[in-house]
């Protein structure tokens, strides 16, 4: 499974209904499960992003569907980055010619 970092910001609608955010997170966990993915960690943050999620998914297509469906609810906007573990990082950088 690949790892993805999903950065999220609440929209005006999302912050207006912030008390519903935990139930929306529960729904996101179910959405991930539907696509063979799992939210491994969630952090509420201060700064440029409101939430940071660590997601494991079978591939880019699954995480794209999750991001699109999550954004379609109108409560968040996301930025998603594929992440490499330290072991993968060492293998990738070690193979540079």
C-alpha atoms as a PDB file:
ATOM      1  CA  UNK A   1       0.000   0.000   0.000  1.00  0.00           C
ATOM      2  CA  UNK A   2       1.189   3.486  -0.811  1.00  0.00           C
ATOM      3  CA  UNK A   3       1.214   6.301   1.738  1.00  0.00           C
ATOM      4  CA  UNK A   4      -0.293   9.729   1.084  1.00  0.00           C
ATOM      5  CA  UNK A   5      -0.309  12.927   3.097  1.00  0.00           C
ATOM      6  CA  UNK A   6      -3.615  14.741   2.724  1.00  0.00           C
ATOM      7  CA  UNK A   7      -3.658  18.399   3.769  1.00  0.00           C
ATOM      8  CA  UNK A   8      -7.111  19.844   4.352  1.00  0.00           C
ATOM      9  CA  UNK A   9      -8.622  23.253   4.965  1.00  0.00           C
ATOM     10  CA  UNK A  10     -12.167  23.815   6.109  1.00  0.00           C
ATOM     11  CA  UNK A  11     -14.279  25.822   3.706  1.00  0.00           C
ATOM     12  CA  UNK A  12     -16.655  28.509   5.026  1.00  0.00           C
ATOM     13  CA  UNK A  13     -19.324  25.809   5.188  1.00  0.00           C
ATOM     14  CA  UNK A  14     -16.958  23.427   6.968  1.00  0.00           C
ATOM     15  CA  UNK A  15     -15.904  25.860   9.682  1.00  0.00           C
ATOM     16  CA  UNK A  16     -19.485  27.047  10.167  1.00  0.00           C
ATOM     17  CA  UNK A  17     -20.378  23.407  10.930  1.00  0.00           C
ATOM     18  CA  UNK A  18     -17.107  22.493  12.664  1.00  0.00           C
ATOM     19  CA  UNK A  19     -18.951  20.626  15.441  1.00  0.00           C
ATOM     20  CA  UNK A  20     -19.914  18.073  12.763  1.00  0.00           C
ATOM     21  CA  UNK A  21     -16.281  17.565  11.770  1.00  0.00           C
ATOM     22  CA  UNK A  22     -15.756  14.403  13.869  1.00  0.00           C
ATOM     23  CA  UNK A  23     -18.742  12.709  12.227  1.00  0.00           C
ATOM     24  CA  UNK A  24     -17.439  13.777   8.816  1.00  0.00           C
ATOM     25  CA  UNK A  25     -14.092  12.185   9.722  1.00  0.00           C
ATOM     26  CA  UNK A  26     -15.931   8.967  10.594  1.00  0.00           C
ATOM     27  CA  UNK A  27     -17.633   9.112   7.181  1.00  0.00           C
ATOM     28  CA  UNK A  28     -14.224   9.685   5.534  1.00  0.00           C
ATOM     29  CA  UNK A  29     -12.915   6.558   7.246  1.00  0.00           C
ATOM     30  CA  UNK A  30     -15.820   4.592   5.737  1.00  0.00           C
ATOM     31  CA  UNK A  31     -15.183   6.164   2.320  1.00  0.00           C
ATOM     32  CA  UNK A  32     -11.548   5.089   2.529  1.00  0.00           C
ATOM     33  CA  UNK A  33     -12.559   1.568   3.476  1.00  0.00           C
ATOM     34  CA  UNK A  34     -14.829   1.456   0.400  1.00  0.00           C
ATOM     35  CA  UNK A  35     -11.763   2.179  -1.766  1.00  0.00           C
ATOM     36  CA  UNK A  36      -9.439  -0.226   0.028  1.00  0.00           C
ATOM     37  CA  UNK A  37      -7.688   2.580   1.891  1.00  0.00           C
ATOM     38  CA  UNK A  38      -7.252   3.525   5.542  1.00  0.00           C
ATOM     39  CA  UNK A  39      -6.725   6.768   7.425  1.00  0.00           C
ATOM     40  CA  UNK A  40      -3.760   5.937   9.654  1.00  0.00           C
ATOM     41  CA  UNK A  41      -3.405   9.253  11.509  1.00  0.00           C
ATOM     42  CA  UNK A  42      -5.225  12.566  11.795  1.00  0.00           C
ATOM     43  CA  UNK A  43      -3.852  15.816  13.184  1.00  0.00           C
ATOM     44  CA  UNK A  44      -5.664  19.110  13.648  1.00  0.00           C
ATOM     45  CA  UNK A  45      -2.990  21.721  13.006  1.00  0.00           C
ATOM     46  CA  UNK A  46      -2.353  25.435  13.340  1.00  0.00           C
ATOM     47  CA  UNK A  47      -0.892  27.278  10.383  1.00  0.00           C
ATOM     48  CA  UNK A  48      -1.541  26.935   6.676  1.00  0.00           C
ATOM     49  CA  UNK A  49      -3.704  23.803   7.003  1.00  0.00           C
ATOM     50  CA  UNK A  50      -6.477  22.839   9.406  1.00  0.00           C
ATOM     51  CA  UNK A  51      -6.016  19.068   9.203  1.00  0.00           C
ATOM     52  CA  UNK A  52      -3.248  16.677   8.183  1.00  0.00           C
ATOM     53  CA  UNK A  53      -4.146  13.063   7.454  1.00  0.00           C
ATOM     54  CA  UNK A  54      -1.887  10.112   6.753  1.00  0.00           C
ATOM     55  CA  UNK A  55      -3.679   7.746   4.393  1.00  0.00           C
ATOM     56  CA  UNK A  56      -2.625   4.365   3.078  1.00  0.00           C
ATOM     57  CA  UNK A  57      -4.250   3.423  -0.212  1.00  0.00           C
ATOM     58  CA  UNK A  58      -3.731   0.828  -2.926  1.00  0.00           C
ATOM     59  CA  UNK A  59      -2.778   3.520  -5.444  1.00  0.00           C
ATOM     60  CA  UNK A  60      -3.206   6.981  -6.892  1.00  0.00           C
ATOM     61  CA  UNK A  61      -6.629   6.273  -8.404  1.00  0.00           C
ATOM     62  CA  UNK A  62      -8.123   5.255  -5.049  1.00  0.00           C
ATOM     63  CA  UNK A  63      -6.795   8.302  -3.222  1.00  0.00           C
ATOM     64  CA  UNK A  64      -7.945  10.593  -6.055  1.00  0.00           C
ATOM     65  CA  UNK A  65     -11.489   9.213  -5.723  1.00  0.00           C
ATOM     66  CA  UNK A  66     -11.342   9.737  -1.956  1.00  0.00           C
ATOM     67  CA  UNK A  67     -10.131  13.334  -2.349  1.00  0.00           C
ATOM     68  CA  UNK A  68     -12.791  14.122  -4.954  1.00  0.00           C
ATOM     69  CA  UNK A  69     -15.611  12.635  -2.891  1.00  0.00           C
ATOM     70  CA  UNK A  70     -14.390  14.407   0.246  1.00  0.00           C
ATOM     71  CA  UNK A  71     -14.199  17.756  -1.510  1.00  0.00           C
ATOM     72  CA  UNK A  72     -17.603  17.292  -3.131  1.00  0.00           C
ATOM     73  CA  UNK A  73     -19.209  17.523   0.314  1.00  0.00           C
ATOM     74  CA  UNK A  74     -18.252  21.191   0.390  1.00  0.00           C
ATOM     75  CA  UNK A  75     -16.686  21.143   3.863  1.00  0.00           C
ATOM     76  CA  UNK A  76     -12.997  20.818   2.981  1.00  0.00           C
ATOM     77  CA  UNK A  77     -10.490  21.476   0.234  1.00  0.00           C
ATOM     78  CA  UNK A  78      -7.571  19.098   0.009  1.00  0.00           C
ATOM     79  CA  UNK A  79      -4.017  18.925  -1.240  1.00  0.00           C
ATOM     80  CA  UNK A  80      -2.649  15.400  -1.505  1.00  0.00           C
ATOM     81  CA  UNK A  81       0.983  14.309  -1.706  1.00  0.00           C
ATOM     82  CA  UNK A  82       2.345  10.833  -2.253  1.00  0.00           C
ATOM     83  CA  UNK A  83       4.825  10.007   0.507  1.00  0.00           C
ATOM     84  CA  UNK A  84       7.764   7.631   0.667  1.00  0.00           C
ATOM     85  CA  UNK A  85       8.921   5.925   3.864  1.00  0.00           C
ATOM     86  CA  UNK A  86      12.486   6.308   5.082  1.00  0.00           C
ATOM     87  CA  UNK A  87      13.354   2.880   3.671  1.00  0.00           C
ATOM     88  CA  UNK A  88      11.881   3.826   0.271  1.00  0.00           C
ATOM     89  CA  UNK A  89      13.686   7.172   0.410  1.00  0.00           C
ATOM     90  CA  UNK A  90      17.011   5.444   1.071  1.00  0.00           C
ATOM     91  CA  UNK A  91      16.432   2.981  -1.776  1.00  0.00           C
ATOM     92  CA  UNK A  92      15.436   5.736  -4.209  1.00  0.00           C
ATOM     93  CA  UNK A  93      18.309   8.040  -3.373  1.00  0.00           C
ATOM     94  CA  UNK A  94      20.771   5.144  -3.325  1.00  0.00           C
ATOM     95  CA  UNK A  95      19.839   4.193  -6.875  1.00  0.00           C
ATOM     96  CA  UNK A  96      20.668   7.626  -8.325  1.00  0.00           C
ATOM     97  CA  UNK A  97      23.412   7.076 -10.876  1.00  0.00           C
END
